[in-house]
Each structure stands twice: as structure tokens, then as C-alpha cells.
Amino acid sequence: MTAEYRVVDGLADPPGYAHVAIATGSRLVFTAGAVPLDEHGDLVGAGDPEMQTEQVLANLLWQLESGGAGPDDVVKTTVYVAGGSHETQVRVWDVVQRSPIASAPSTLVGVATLGYRDQLVEIEAIAVVE
């Protein structure tokens, strides 16, 4: 995949990601929202947004790999954070920004709840591969 990330002149600088990704390739890979469950279906990091984000990112990279994509192929992510706390959103975002998908355009969304009991984080991605 060839992607060009752009920060758009005239818009406020985004915190660690690009406004736009322009990608060329022959195949799109869409993931379901990656969740903080281990291989046995048990929640990882109850009450710990950073630990949950690390598990979510590991699961997301595994999902991408199964579709023939890697972190460099990601052109868009959506990060969902439950609970409505700005502090929790910042803690999750800090982990995402240290990850290999950090530079892709992204949307951070605060939501009331997510699908699993005590789940705080979910991330979905779109990738383009040759």
C-alpha cells in the first residue's frame, strides 16, 4: 500500500495523527471493533484503561494480520472510550499514540457503554493493501 498522510493547512494541528490519508492499493481490510478480551474470552484490565488499550491494540494488529494487512497499511481508525471521562480518553489516547497505528487519521469517541461488562476501550480500523 502507498499512503500519503496530510495535515491540512488552515485547520488546527491534530494531536499526533493526520487529517487525511490518501491511499492506493487493490484491497481494503475492515476490522470489527477490537476489544480487550484475551484468547479465552476473558476481559483484560478491568478498571485499567491503559491495560485494556494495550490488549485492544494487540487484538487489532492480530485482526489486521489475518486480513493480510499490517500497521503501516492502516488508513483510518476509530477509538471508542466508555465512561465519559475526559481523563480516561486522554489515558487511552496516550497509549494509542505510542502504537504503530498512531499516524493514521483517527476519531476518538466517548460513549456511555461498550458491549462487554467493564469494557472501556474498542478500536476499529480500515487498511489498504496492494
Protein backbone atom coordinates (compact mmCIF):
# COMPACT_ATOMS: atom_id res chain seq x y z
CA MET A 1 0.00 0.00 0.00
CA THR A 2 1.08 3.51 -0.68
CA ALA A 3 -0.39 6.14 1.60
CA GLU A 4 0.22 9.79 1.95
CA TYR A 5 -0.83 11.37 5.22
CA ARG A 6 -1.63 15.07 5.21
CA VAL A 7 -2.11 17.69 7.89
CA VAL A 8 -4.36 20.31 6.30
CA ASP A 9 -3.20 23.94 6.25
CA GLY A 10 -5.82 26.19 7.81
CA LEU A 11 -7.01 23.55 10.30
CA ALA A 12 -5.73 23.19 13.86
CA ASP A 13 -2.86 20.71 14.13
CA PRO A 14 -4.23 17.31 15.17
CA PRO A 15 -2.72 15.64 18.26
CA GLY A 16 -0.48 13.01 16.72
CA TYR A 17 -2.37 11.95 13.59
CA ALA A 18 -3.05 13.25 10.10
CA HIS A 19 -6.27 14.89 8.93
CA VAL A 20 -6.28 12.92 5.69
CA ALA A 21 -4.89 9.69 4.28
CA ILE A 22 -4.66 9.25 0.52
CA ALA A 23 -4.13 5.57 -0.21
CA THR A 24 -3.64 3.43 -3.26
CA GLY A 25 -3.87 -0.32 -3.28
CA SER A 26 -6.02 -3.12 -4.55
CA ARG A 27 -7.70 -4.44 -1.42
CA LEU A 28 -9.48 -2.93 1.59
CA VAL A 29 -9.39 -4.57 5.00
CA PHE A 30 -12.06 -3.53 7.53
CA THR A 31 -11.87 -4.77 11.11
CA ALA A 32 -14.64 -5.22 13.59
CA GLY A 33 -14.03 -3.29 16.76
CA ALA A 34 -11.14 -4.91 18.62
CA VAL A 35 -12.00 -5.48 22.28
CA PRO A 36 -9.92 -6.09 25.44
CA LEU A 37 -10.54 -9.83 25.67
CA ASP A 38 -7.82 -12.47 25.84
CA GLU A 39 -7.84 -15.66 23.76
CA HIS A 40 -10.16 -17.30 26.32
CA GLY A 41 -12.74 -14.51 26.09
CA ASP A 42 -11.80 -13.03 29.49
CA LEU A 43 -11.65 -9.25 29.96
CA VAL A 44 -8.10 -7.95 30.40
CA GLY A 45 -7.50 -4.96 32.69
CA ALA A 46 -10.84 -4.34 34.39
CA GLY A 47 -10.80 -0.70 35.51
CA ASP A 48 -7.44 -0.03 33.80
CA PRO A 49 -7.84 1.90 30.52
CA GLU A 50 -4.16 1.64 29.59
CA MET A 51 -4.04 -2.13 30.03
CA GLN A 52 -7.28 -2.52 28.09
CA THR A 53 -5.92 -0.34 25.28
CA GLU A 54 -2.75 -2.44 25.06
CA GLN A 55 -4.88 -5.61 24.74
CA VAL A 56 -7.18 -3.96 22.20
CA LEU A 57 -4.19 -2.89 20.08
CA ALA A 58 -2.67 -6.37 20.23
CA ASN A 59 -6.00 -7.86 19.13
CA LEU A 60 -6.40 -5.25 16.39
CA LEU A 61 -2.96 -5.97 14.96
CA TRP A 62 -3.82 -9.69 15.01
CA GLN A 63 -7.07 -8.95 13.14
CA LEU A 64 -5.23 -6.86 10.55
CA GLU A 65 -2.61 -9.59 10.08
CA SER A 66 -5.33 -12.17 9.48
CA GLY A 67 -6.60 -9.91 6.66
CA GLY A 68 -3.13 -9.59 5.15
CA ALA A 69 -2.54 -6.08 6.49
CA GLY A 70 -0.12 -4.55 8.93
CA PRO A 71 0.01 -1.34 10.94
CA ASP A 72 1.59 0.58 8.04
CA ASP A 73 -1.45 -0.26 5.89
CA VAL A 74 -3.95 1.38 8.28
CA VAL A 75 -5.57 4.49 6.80
CA LYS A 76 -8.28 5.18 9.42
CA THR A 77 -9.09 4.24 12.99
CA THR A 78 -11.97 4.92 15.32
CA VAL A 79 -11.27 4.72 19.05
CA TYR A 80 -14.23 4.31 21.40
CA VAL A 81 -13.81 5.06 25.10
CA ALA A 82 -16.60 4.28 27.58
CA GLY A 83 -17.49 6.26 30.65
CA GLY A 84 -17.49 9.86 29.51
CA SER A 85 -14.38 10.86 31.48
CA HIS A 86 -12.04 13.15 29.56
CA GLU A 87 -9.17 11.88 31.74
CA THR A 88 -9.86 8.30 30.63
CA GLN A 89 -9.97 9.39 27.00
CA VAL A 90 -6.57 11.06 27.36
CA ARG A 91 -5.09 7.96 29.02
CA VAL A 92 -6.35 5.76 26.18
CA TRP A 93 -5.19 8.23 23.53
CA ASP A 94 -1.68 8.31 25.01
CA VAL A 95 -1.40 4.53 24.56
CA VAL A 96 -2.76 4.72 21.00
CA GLN A 97 -0.22 7.43 20.15
CA ARG A 98 2.64 5.13 21.21
CA SER A 99 1.34 2.38 18.92
CA PRO A 100 2.30 1.58 15.31
CA ILE A 101 -1.09 2.87 14.05
CA ALA A 102 -0.70 6.32 15.64
CA SER A 103 -0.18 8.39 12.49
CA ALA A 104 -3.31 7.25 10.65
CA PRO A 105 -6.29 9.61 10.65
CA SER A 106 -8.35 8.80 13.72
CA THR A 107 -11.53 9.70 15.54
CA LEU A 108 -11.77 9.46 19.34
CA VAL A 109 -15.33 8.97 20.56
CA GLY A 110 -16.61 8.97 24.13
CA VAL A 111 -19.55 6.62 24.63
CA ALA A 112 -21.72 5.69 27.60
CA THR A 113 -21.02 1.95 27.45
CA LEU A 114 -19.48 -0.72 25.24
CA GLY A 115 -20.53 -4.31 24.58
CA TYR A 116 -18.78 -6.23 27.39
CA ARG A 117 -19.17 -5.70 31.12
CA ASP A 118 -16.37 -3.40 32.37
CA GLN A 119 -15.10 -2.76 28.82
CA LEU A 120 -13.57 0.71 28.48
CA VAL A 121 -11.97 0.64 25.02
CA GLU A 122 -12.71 -0.56 21.49
CA ILE A 123 -10.83 0.29 18.28
CA GLU A 124 -11.71 -0.42 14.66
CA ALA A 125 -9.51 0.13 11.62
CA ILE A 126 -9.56 0.36 7.84
CA ALA A 127 -6.45 -0.69 5.92
CA VAL A 128 -5.48 -0.65 2.24
CA VAL A 129 -3.09 -3.29 0.89
CA GLU A 130 -1.54 -3.98 -2.52
